[in-house]
């Protein structure tokens, strides 16, 4: 039987985040999948600062309109200008 469930590691034990229908004292095998975080390719602090400032400026130059819908449709998300 294969079940997938998320758990939090706390106090030396894995705590399931959803009900688990297993008999008490069942032995299981855990496969740990950590968060998918990629290390930065740019490590120079000055270059990272420049990139961040450029990103912030782009966000300021292209604000989300005040009348924008709370959720975009698939078509709106993929609309090309």
PDB file of N, CA and C in Angstrom:
ATOM      1  N   UNK A   1       0.849  -1.170   0.000  1.00  0.00           N
ATOM      2  CA  UNK A   1       0.000   0.000   0.000  1.00  0.00           C
ATOM      3  C   UNK A   1       0.899   1.239   0.000  1.00  0.00           C
ATOM      4  N   UNK A   2       0.615   2.180  -0.897  1.00  0.00           N
ATOM      5  CA  UNK A   2       1.386   3.415  -0.972  1.00  0.00           C
ATOM      6  C   UNK A   2       0.472   4.567  -0.583  1.00  0.00           C
ATOM      7  N   UNK A   3       0.914   5.360   0.359  1.00  0.00           N
ATOM      8  CA  UNK A   3       0.209   6.577   0.771  1.00  0.00           C
ATOM      9  C   UNK A   3       1.210   7.716   0.752  1.00  0.00           C
ATOM     10  N   UNK A   4       0.765   8.854   0.313  1.00  0.00           N
ATOM     11  CA  UNK A   4       1.603  10.048   0.393  1.00  0.00           C
ATOM     12  C   UNK A   4       0.967  10.981   1.395  1.00  0.00           C
ATOM     13  N   UNK A   5       1.748  11.440   2.338  1.00  0.00           N
ATOM     14  CA  UNK A   5       1.238  12.438   3.260  1.00  0.00           C
ATOM     15  C   UNK A   5       2.367  13.351   3.682  1.00  0.00           C
ATOM     16  N   UNK A   6       2.003  14.564   3.983  1.00  0.00           N
ATOM     17  CA  UNK A   6       2.992  15.544   4.414  1.00  0.00           C
ATOM     18  C   UNK A   6       3.139  15.465   5.921  1.00  0.00           C
ATOM     19  N   UNK A   7       4.350  15.715   6.376  1.00  0.00           N
ATOM     20  CA  UNK A   7       4.628  15.678   7.802  1.00  0.00           C
ATOM     21  C   UNK A   7       5.617  16.789   8.140  1.00  0.00           C
ATOM     22  N   UNK A   8       5.620  17.160   9.394  1.00  0.00           N
ATOM     23  CA  UNK A   8       6.581  18.144   9.903  1.00  0.00           C
ATOM     24  C   UNK A   8       7.497  17.416  10.872  1.00  0.00           C
ATOM     25  N   UNK A   9       8.789  17.668  10.736  1.00  0.00           N
ATOM     26  CA  UNK A   9       9.759  17.071  11.656  1.00  0.00           C
ATOM     27  C   UNK A   9       9.840  17.967  12.874  1.00  0.00           C
ATOM     28  N   UNK A  10       9.493  17.427  14.037  1.00  0.00           N
ATOM     29  CA  UNK A  10       9.442  18.235  15.246  1.00  0.00           C
ATOM     30  C   UNK A  10       9.792  17.371  16.449  1.00  0.00           C
ATOM     31  N   UNK A  11      10.723  17.821  17.235  1.00  0.00           N
ATOM     32  CA  UNK A  11      11.078  17.106  18.453  1.00  0.00           C
ATOM     33  C   UNK A  11      11.572  15.685  18.197  1.00  0.00           C
ATOM     34  N   UNK A  12      12.240  15.473  17.062  1.00  0.00           N
ATOM     35  CA  UNK A  12      12.786  14.156  16.759  1.00  0.00           C
ATOM     36  C   UNK A  12      11.797  13.179  16.163  1.00  0.00           C
ATOM     37  N   UNK A  13      10.591  13.641  15.811  1.00  0.00           N
ATOM     38  CA  UNK A  13       9.588  12.749  15.235  1.00  0.00           C
ATOM     39  C   UNK A  13       8.910  13.437  14.050  1.00  0.00           C
ATOM     40  N   UNK A  14       8.406  12.651  13.123  1.00  0.00           N
ATOM     41  CA  UNK A  14       7.653  13.167  12.000  1.00  0.00           C
ATOM     42  C   UNK A  14       6.182  13.197  12.384  1.00  0.00           C
ATOM     43  N   UNK A  15       5.581  14.368  12.354  1.00  0.00           N
ATOM     44  CA  UNK A  15       4.191  14.547  12.742  1.00  0.00           C
ATOM     45  C   UNK A  15       3.356  14.691  11.466  1.00  0.00           C
ATOM     46  N   UNK A  16       2.481  13.724  11.159  1.00  0.00           N
ATOM     47  CA  UNK A  16       1.651  13.825   9.948  1.00  0.00           C
ATOM     48  C   UNK A  16       0.750  15.057   9.999  1.00  0.00           C
ATOM     49  N   UNK A  17       0.542  15.680   8.838  1.00  0.00           N
ATOM     50  CA  UNK A  17      -0.307  16.858   8.743  1.00  0.00           C
ATOM     51  C   UNK A  17      -1.726  16.523   8.312  1.00  0.00           C
ATOM     52  N   UNK A  18      -2.016  15.243   8.162  1.00  0.00           N
ATOM     53  CA  UNK A  18      -3.352  14.768   7.798  1.00  0.00           C
ATOM     54  C   UNK A  18      -3.541  13.415   8.473  1.00  0.00           C
ATOM     55  N   UNK A  19      -4.791  13.000   8.643  1.00  0.00           N
ATOM     56  CA  UNK A  19      -5.019  11.689   9.257  1.00  0.00           C
ATOM     57  C   UNK A  19      -4.333  10.578   8.465  1.00  0.00           C
ATOM     58  N   UNK A  20      -3.841   9.608   9.179  1.00  0.00           N
ATOM     59  CA  UNK A  20      -3.123   8.489   8.571  1.00  0.00           C
ATOM     60  C   UNK A  20      -3.800   7.198   9.024  1.00  0.00           C
ATOM     61  N   UNK A  21      -4.336   6.446   8.083  1.00  0.00           N
ATOM     62  CA  UNK A  21      -5.098   5.239   8.403  1.00  0.00           C
ATOM     63  C   UNK A  21      -4.177   4.019   8.443  1.00  0.00           C
ATOM     64  N   UNK A  22      -3.345   3.946   9.471  1.00  0.00           N
ATOM     65  CA  UNK A  22      -2.433   2.810   9.645  1.00  0.00           C
ATOM     66  C   UNK A  22      -2.654   2.215  11.036  1.00  0.00           C
ATOM     67  N   UNK A  23      -2.496   0.919  11.155  1.00  0.00           N
ATOM     68  CA  UNK A  23      -2.587   0.331  12.492  1.00  0.00           C
ATOM     69  C   UNK A  23      -1.448   0.845  13.374  1.00  0.00           C
ATOM     70  N   UNK A  24      -1.703   0.927  14.657  1.00  0.00           N
ATOM     71  CA  UNK A  24      -0.696   1.371  15.622  1.00  0.00           C
ATOM     72  C   UNK A  24       0.554   0.507  15.502  1.00  0.00           C
ATOM     73  N   UNK A  25       1.729   1.107  15.626  1.00  0.00           N
ATOM     74  CA  UNK A  25       3.042   0.451  15.549  1.00  0.00           C
ATOM     75  C   UNK A  25       3.382  -0.089  14.170  1.00  0.00           C
ATOM     76  N   UNK A  26       2.715   0.396  13.116  1.00  0.00           N
ATOM     77  CA  UNK A  26       3.057  -0.024  11.755  1.00  0.00           C
ATOM     78  C   UNK A  26       4.434   0.522  11.396  1.00  0.00           C
ATOM     79  N   UNK A  27       5.216  -0.271  10.723  1.00  0.00           N
ATOM     80  CA  UNK A  27       6.521   0.177  10.256  1.00  0.00           C
ATOM     81  C   UNK A  27       6.344   0.758   8.860  1.00  0.00           C
ATOM     82  N   UNK A  28       6.929   1.922   8.626  1.00  0.00           N
ATOM     83  CA  UNK A  28       6.842   2.585   7.328  1.00  0.00           C
ATOM     84  C   UNK A  28       8.238   2.992   6.875  1.00  0.00           C
ATOM     85  N   UNK A  29       8.365   3.263   5.607  1.00  0.00           N
ATOM     86  CA  UNK A  29       9.627   3.766   5.055  1.00  0.00           C
ATOM     87  C   UNK A  29       9.379   5.190   4.599  1.00  0.00           C
ATOM     88  N   UNK A  30      10.206   6.120   5.066  1.00  0.00           N
ATOM     89  CA  UNK A  30      10.062   7.522   4.700  1.00  0.00           C
ATOM     90  C   UNK A  30      11.048   7.872   3.599  1.00  0.00           C
ATOM     91  N   UNK A  31      10.561   8.589   2.613  1.00  0.00           N
ATOM     92  CA  UNK A  31      11.419   9.148   1.566  1.00  0.00           C
ATOM     93  C   UNK A  31      11.329  10.659   1.726  1.00  0.00           C
ATOM     94  N   UNK A  32      12.428  11.272   2.088  1.00  0.00           N
ATOM     95  CA  UNK A  32      12.437  12.696   2.397  1.00  0.00           C
ATOM     96  C   UNK A  32      12.663  13.498   1.122  1.00  0.00           C
ATOM     97  N   UNK A  33      11.723  14.386   0.815  1.00  0.00           N
ATOM     98  CA  UNK A  33      11.862  15.317  -0.301  1.00  0.00           C
ATOM     99  C   UNK A  33      11.904  16.709   0.287  1.00  0.00           C
ATOM    100  N   UNK A  34      13.065  17.296   0.314  1.00  0.00           N
ATOM    101  CA  UNK A  34      13.207  18.632   0.878  1.00  0.00           C
ATOM    102  C   UNK A  34      12.620  19.667  -0.053  1.00  0.00           C
ATOM    103  N   UNK A  35      12.528  20.891   0.417  1.00  0.00           N
ATOM    104  CA  UNK A  35      12.044  21.970  -0.442  1.00  0.00           C
ATOM    105  C   UNK A  35      12.956  22.140  -1.643  1.00  0.00           C
ATOM    106  N   UNK A  36      12.367  22.476  -2.765  1.00  0.00           N
ATOM    107  CA  UNK A  36      13.145  22.682  -3.989  1.00  0.00           C
ATOM    108  C   UNK A  36      13.680  24.106  -4.023  1.00  0.00           C
ATOM    109  N   UNK A  37      14.805  24.296  -3.396  1.00  0.00           N
ATOM    110  CA  UNK A  37      15.439  25.616  -3.372  1.00  0.00           C
ATOM    111  C   UNK A  37      16.769  25.508  -4.101  1.00  0.00           C
ATOM    112  N   UNK A  38      16.909  26.307  -5.119  1.00  0.00           N
ATOM    113  CA  UNK A  38      18.150  26.307  -5.886  1.00  0.00           C
ATOM    114  C   UNK A  38      19.086  27.363  -5.330  1.00  0.00           C
ATOM    115  N   UNK A  39      20.355  27.051  -5.212  1.00  0.00           N
ATOM    116  CA  UNK A  39      21.296  28.061  -4.747  1.00  0.00           C
ATOM    117  C   UNK A  39      21.419  29.171  -5.790  1.00  0.00           C
ATOM    118  N   UNK A  40      21.655  30.379  -5.368  1.00  0.00           N
ATOM    119  CA  UNK A  40      21.761  31.471  -6.328  1.00  0.00           C
ATOM    120  C   UNK A  40      22.966  31.283  -7.242  1.00  0.00           C
ATOM    121  N   UNK A  41      22.784  31.642  -8.510  1.00  0.00           N
ATOM    122  CA  UNK A  41      23.902  31.544  -9.451  1.00  0.00           C
ATOM    123  C   UNK A  41      24.800  32.769  -9.367  1.00  0.00           C
ATOM    124  N   UNK A  42      24.242  33.870  -8.875  1.00  0.00           N
ATOM    125  CA  UNK A  42      25.020  35.097  -8.699  1.00  0.00           C
ATOM    126  C   UNK A  42      25.376  35.200  -7.217  1.00  0.00           C
ATOM    127  N   UNK A  43      26.651  35.159  -6.915  1.00  0.00           N
ATOM    128  CA  UNK A  43      27.075  35.200  -5.509  1.00  0.00           C
ATOM    129  C   UNK A  43      27.719  36.527  -5.116  1.00  0.00           C
ATOM    130  N   UNK A  44      28.066  37.354  -6.101  1.00  0.00           N
ATOM    131  CA  UNK A  44      28.667  38.649  -5.792  1.00  0.00           C
ATOM    132  C   UNK A  44      27.613  39.565  -5.166  1.00  0.00           C
ATOM    133  N   UNK A  45      27.842  40.048  -3.949  1.00  0.00           N
ATOM    134  CA  UNK A  45      26.839  40.874  -3.268  1.00  0.00           C
ATOM    135  C   UNK A  45      26.435  42.128  -4.046  1.00  0.00           C
ATOM    136  N   UNK A  46      27.372  42.766  -4.697  1.00  0.00           N
ATOM    137  CA  UNK A  46      27.052  43.977  -5.461  1.00  0.00           C
ATOM    138  C   UNK A  46      26.173  43.657  -6.673  1.00  0.00           C
ATOM    139  N   UNK A  47      26.467  42.561  -7.344  1.00  0.00           N
ATOM    140  CA  UNK A  47      25.664  42.154  -8.501  1.00  0.00           C
ATOM    141  C   UNK A  47      24.256  41.759  -8.049  1.00  0.00           C
ATOM    142  N   UNK A  48      24.142  41.054  -6.922  1.00  0.00           N
ATOM    143  CA  UNK A  48      22.825  40.683  -6.392  1.00  0.00           C
ATOM    144  C   UNK A  48      22.034  41.935  -6.017  1.00  0.00           C
ATOM    145  N   UNK A  49      22.704  42.926  -5.438  1.00  0.00           N
ATOM    146  CA  UNK A  49      22.045  44.178  -5.083  1.00  0.00           C
ATOM    147  C   UNK A  49      21.534  44.879  -6.337  1.00  0.00           C
ATOM    148  N   UNK A  50      22.351  44.908  -7.392  1.00  0.00           N
ATOM    149  CA  UNK A  50      21.954  45.547  -8.642  1.00  0.00           C
ATOM    150  C   UNK A  50      20.737  44.851  -9.243  1.00  0.00           C
ATOM    151  N   UNK A  51      20.733  43.520  -9.227  1.00  0.00           N
ATOM    152  CA  UNK A  51      19.610  42.755  -9.771  1.00  0.00           C
ATOM    153  C   UNK A  51      18.340  43.037  -8.968  1.00  0.00           C
ATOM    154  N   UNK A  52      18.451  43.058  -7.653  1.00  0.00           N
ATOM    155  CA  UNK A  52      17.295  43.336  -6.801  1.00  0.00           C
ATOM    156  C   UNK A  52      16.749  44.740  -7.058  1.00  0.00           C
ATOM    157  N   UNK A  53      17.632  45.715  -7.160  1.00  0.00           N
ATOM    158  CA  UNK A  53      17.192  47.084  -7.433  1.00  0.00           C
ATOM    159  C   UNK A  53      16.502  47.170  -8.793  1.00  0.00           C
ATOM    160  N   UNK A  54      17.015  46.449  -9.780  1.00  0.00           N
ATOM    161  CA  UNK A  54      16.392  46.430 -11.107  1.00  0.00           C
ATOM    162  C   UNK A  54      14.997  45.795 -11.035  1.00  0.00           C
ATOM    163  N   UNK A  55      14.877  44.729 -10.283  1.00  0.00           N
ATOM    164  CA  UNK A  55      13.591  44.067 -10.103  1.00  0.00           C
ATOM    165  C   UNK A  55      12.588  45.011  -9.442  1.00  0.00           C
ATOM    166  N   UNK A  56      13.014  45.684  -8.395  1.00  0.00           N
ATOM    167  CA  UNK A  56      12.131  46.623  -7.696  1.00  0.00           C
ATOM    168  C   UNK A  56      11.697  47.749  -8.624  1.00  0.00           C
ATOM    169  N   UNK A  57      12.624  48.254  -9.414  1.00  0.00           N
ATOM    170  CA  UNK A  57      12.278  49.330 -10.353  1.00  0.00           C
ATOM    171  C   UNK A  57      11.279  48.835 -11.393  1.00  0.00           C
ATOM    172  N   UNK A  58      11.461  47.613 -11.887  1.00  0.00           N
ATOM    173  CA  UNK A  58      10.509  47.050 -12.856  1.00  0.00           C
ATOM    174  C   UNK A  58       9.119  46.916 -12.239  1.00  0.00           C
ATOM    175  N   UNK A  59       9.062  46.526 -10.962  1.00  0.00           N
ATOM    176  CA  UNK A  59       7.775  46.410 -10.283  1.00  0.00           C
ATOM    177  C   UNK A  59       7.126  47.787 -10.129  1.00  0.00           C
ATOM    178  N   UNK A  60       7.922  48.802  -9.838  1.00  0.00           N
ATOM    179  CA  UNK A  60       7.386  50.167  -9.712  1.00  0.00           C
ATOM    180  C   UNK A  60       6.915  50.698 -11.067  1.00  0.00           C
ATOM    181  N   UNK A  61       7.632  50.356 -12.129  1.00  0.00           N
ATOM    182  CA  UNK A  61       7.271  50.817 -13.471  1.00  0.00           C
ATOM    183  C   UNK A  61       6.035  50.104 -14.020  1.00  0.00           C
ATOM    184  N   UNK A  62       5.719  48.936 -13.479  1.00  0.00           N
ATOM    185  CA  UNK A  62       4.605  48.133 -13.980  1.00  0.00           C
ATOM    186  C   UNK A  62       3.707  47.680 -12.839  1.00  0.00           C
ATOM    187  N   UNK A  63       3.059  48.623 -12.149  1.00  0.00           N
ATOM    188  CA  UNK A  63       2.232  48.241 -10.998  1.00  0.00           C
ATOM    189  C   UNK A  63       0.983  47.484 -11.436  1.00  0.00           C
ATOM    190  N   UNK A  64       0.445  46.698 -10.525  1.00  0.00           N
ATOM    191  CA  UNK A  64      -0.830  46.033 -10.779  1.00  0.00           C
ATOM    192  C   UNK A  64      -1.908  47.105 -10.668  1.00  0.00           C
ATOM    193  N   UNK A  65      -2.763  47.217 -11.681  1.00  0.00           N
ATOM    194  CA  UNK A  65      -3.803  48.256 -11.645  1.00  0.00           C
ATOM    195  C   UNK A  65      -4.716  48.092 -10.427  1.00  0.00           C
ATOM    196  N   UNK A  66      -5.181  49.216  -9.882  1.00  0.00           N
ATOM    197  CA  UNK A  66      -6.055  49.193  -8.710  1.00  0.00           C
ATOM    198  C   UNK A  66      -7.347  48.438  -8.987  1.00  0.00           C
ATOM    199  N   UNK A  67      -7.809  48.454 -10.243  1.00  0.00           N
ATOM    200  CA  UNK A  67      -9.060  47.779 -10.584  1.00  0.00           C
ATOM    201  C   UNK A  67      -8.835  46.359 -11.120  1.00  0.00           C
ATOM    202  N   UNK A  68      -7.649  45.832 -10.900  1.00  0.00           N
ATOM    203  CA  UNK A  68      -7.342  44.470 -11.363  1.00  0.00           C
ATOM    204  C   UNK A  68      -8.175  43.459 -10.571  1.00  0.00           C
ATOM    205  N   UNK A  69      -8.615  42.382 -11.234  1.00  0.00           N
ATOM    206  CA  UNK A  69      -9.388  41.366 -10.501  1.00  0.00           C
ATOM    207  C   UNK A  69      -8.523  40.688  -9.449  1.00  0.00           C
ATOM    208  N   UNK A  70      -9.187  40.188  -8.408  1.00  0.00           N
ATOM    209  CA  UNK A  70      -8.468  39.494  -7.341  1.00  0.00           C
ATOM    210  C   UNK A  70      -7.811  38.231  -7.867  1.00  0.00           C
ATOM    211  N   UNK A  71      -8.443  37.602  -8.847  1.00  0.00           N
ATOM    212  CA  UNK A  71      -7.880  36.400  -9.473  1.00  0.00           C
ATOM    213  C   UNK A  71      -7.926  36.579 -10.983  1.00  0.00           C
ATOM    214  N   UNK A  72      -6.865  36.183 -11.634  1.00  0.00           N
ATOM    215  CA  UNK A  72      -6.808  36.256 -13.079  1.00  0.00           C
ATOM    216  C   UNK A  72      -7.245  34.933 -13.682  1.00  0.00           C
ATOM    217  N   UNK A  73      -7.873  34.998 -14.857  1.00  0.00           N
ATOM    218  CA  UNK A  73      -8.222  33.778 -15.578  1.00  0.00           C
ATOM    219  C   UNK A  73      -6.961  33.247 -16.252  1.00  0.00           C
ATOM    220  N   UNK A  74      -7.019  32.022 -16.715  1.00  0.00           N
ATOM    221  CA  UNK A  74      -5.883  31.433 -17.424  1.00  0.00           C
ATOM    222  C   UNK A  74      -5.509  32.278 -18.633  1.00  0.00           C
ATOM    223  N   UNK A  75      -6.520  32.754 -19.346  1.00  0.00           N
ATOM    224  CA  UNK A  75      -6.264  33.582 -20.541  1.00  0.00           C
ATOM    225  C   UNK A  75      -5.573  34.892 -20.183  1.00  0.00           C
ATOM    226  N   UNK A  76      -6.014  35.498 -19.071  1.00  0.00           N
ATOM    227  CA  UNK A  76      -5.394  36.751 -18.641  1.00  0.00           C
ATOM    228  C   UNK A  76      -3.940  36.526 -18.205  1.00  0.00           C
ATOM    229  N   UNK A  77      -3.677  35.408 -17.563  1.00  0.00           N
ATOM    230  CA  UNK A  77      -2.320  35.124 -17.132  1.00  0.00           C
ATOM    231  C   UNK A  77      -1.363  34.912 -18.300  1.00  0.00           C
ATOM    232  N   UNK A  78      -1.890  34.398 -19.398  1.00  0.00           N
ATOM    233  CA  UNK A  78      -1.037  34.060 -20.542  1.00  0.00           C
ATOM    234  C   UNK A  78      -1.181  35.049 -21.690  1.00  0.00           C
ATOM    235  N   UNK A  79      -1.846  36.168 -21.401  1.00  0.00           N
ATOM    236  CA  UNK A  79      -2.030  37.181 -22.428  1.00  0.00           C
ATOM    237  C   UNK A  79      -0.687  37.830 -22.761  1.00  0.00           C
ATOM    238  N   UNK A  80      -0.438  37.980 -24.042  1.00  0.00           N
ATOM    239  CA  UNK A  80       0.822  38.592 -24.490  1.00  0.00           C
ATOM    240  C   UNK A  80       0.536  39.984 -25.041  1.00  0.00           C
ATOM    241  N   UNK A  81       1.375  40.942 -24.692  1.00  0.00           N
ATOM    242  CA  UNK A  81       1.227  42.318 -25.215  1.00  0.00           C
ATOM    243  C   UNK A  81       2.395  42.636 -26.083  1.00  0.00           C
TER     244      UNK A  81
END
